[in-house]
């Protein structure tokens, strides 16, 4: 998630490498090392992870809602219906 955060925060960064010691090295399109603020990267990585987790939970909740409505014989919303694999 840190690499994604770096790419989001620093548009000049084109590649992110991690060495064997876990040091993150972001490079621009010319292969030059780009200076970054790791505190900002950590904050953005947490934000991205939270958004991903929330999206995954919303999918789980939507499927559960669709299942409960099917069992109860209630109509599904279009979004709930699209979660059903036939």
Protein backbone atom coordinates (compact mmCIF):
# COMPACT_ATOMS: atom_id res chain seq x y z
CA UNK A 1 0.00 0.00 0.00
CA UNK A 2 2.98 2.32 0.56
CA UNK A 3 3.98 2.15 -3.10
CA UNK A 4 0.43 3.07 -4.13
CA UNK A 5 0.47 5.93 -1.62
CA UNK A 6 3.74 7.26 -3.02
CA UNK A 7 2.41 7.10 -6.57
CA UNK A 8 -0.72 8.97 -5.45
CA UNK A 9 1.17 11.67 -3.56
CA UNK A 10 4.08 12.22 -5.93
CA UNK A 11 3.10 12.42 -9.61
CA UNK A 12 6.74 12.61 -10.71
CA UNK A 13 7.43 9.16 -9.23
CA UNK A 14 7.15 6.47 -11.88
CA UNK A 15 8.62 3.44 -10.07
CA UNK A 16 8.99 2.43 -6.44
CA UNK A 17 11.50 -0.17 -5.34
CA UNK A 18 12.10 -1.71 -1.94
CA UNK A 19 15.59 -2.97 -1.13
CA UNK A 20 16.37 -6.06 0.94
CA UNK A 21 16.47 -3.92 4.11
CA UNK A 22 12.93 -2.66 3.47
CA UNK A 23 14.03 0.83 2.40
CA UNK A 24 11.65 2.38 -0.11
CA UNK A 25 13.26 4.06 -3.11
CA UNK A 26 11.01 6.09 -5.44
CA UNK A 27 12.34 7.05 -8.86
CA UNK A 28 11.20 9.49 -11.52
CA UNK A 29 11.02 8.69 -15.24
CA UNK A 30 14.73 9.51 -15.64
CA UNK A 31 15.74 7.08 -12.91
CA UNK A 32 16.51 9.82 -10.38
CA UNK A 33 15.73 9.17 -6.72
CA UNK A 34 12.80 11.34 -5.54
CA UNK A 35 12.73 12.75 -2.01
CA UNK A 36 9.51 11.91 -0.16
CA UNK A 37 7.91 12.59 3.22
CA UNK A 38 7.41 9.16 4.81
CA UNK A 39 4.97 10.56 7.37
CA UNK A 40 2.71 11.73 4.52
CA UNK A 41 3.18 8.36 2.81
CA UNK A 42 2.17 6.48 5.98
CA UNK A 43 -0.91 8.66 6.36
CA UNK A 44 -1.92 8.16 2.71
CA UNK A 45 -1.27 4.40 2.91
CA UNK A 46 -3.56 4.17 5.94
CA UNK A 47 -6.20 6.21 4.11
CA UNK A 48 -5.99 3.95 1.03
CA UNK A 49 -6.14 0.79 3.15
CA UNK A 50 -9.18 2.10 5.03
CA UNK A 51 -10.95 2.91 1.75
CA UNK A 52 -10.15 -0.57 0.42
CA UNK A 53 -11.35 -2.24 3.62
CA UNK A 54 -14.57 -0.19 3.59
CA UNK A 55 -15.23 -1.11 -0.05
CA UNK A 56 -14.74 -4.81 0.68
CA UNK A 57 -17.01 -4.62 3.74
CA UNK A 58 -19.69 -2.82 1.71
CA UNK A 59 -19.68 -5.71 -0.79
CA UNK A 60 -20.03 -8.25 2.03
CA UNK A 61 -22.87 -6.23 3.58
CA UNK A 62 -24.64 -5.90 0.23
CA UNK A 63 -24.50 -9.66 -0.38
CA UNK A 64 -25.81 -10.32 3.13
CA UNK A 65 -28.66 -7.89 2.55
CA UNK A 66 -29.53 -9.55 -0.75
CA UNK A 67 -29.51 -13.00 0.87
CA UNK A 68 -31.72 -11.86 3.74
CA UNK A 69 -34.22 -10.29 1.35
CA UNK A 70 -34.30 -13.41 -0.83
CA UNK A 71 -34.98 -15.57 2.21
CA UNK A 72 -37.72 -13.19 3.37
CA UNK A 73 -39.23 -12.99 -0.13
CA UNK A 74 -38.64 -9.23 -0.35
CA UNK A 75 -37.69 -7.44 -3.57
CA UNK A 76 -34.00 -6.69 -4.13
CA UNK A 77 -32.50 -3.41 -5.20
CA UNK A 78 -30.70 -3.43 -8.54
CA UNK A 79 -27.38 -3.22 -6.69
CA UNK A 80 -28.28 -6.21 -4.51
CA UNK A 81 -29.44 -8.19 -7.52
CA UNK A 82 -26.13 -7.59 -9.28
CA UNK A 83 -24.30 -9.36 -6.43
CA UNK A 84 -26.01 -12.64 -7.28
CA UNK A 85 -24.05 -14.99 -9.49
CA UNK A 86 -26.24 -17.22 -11.61
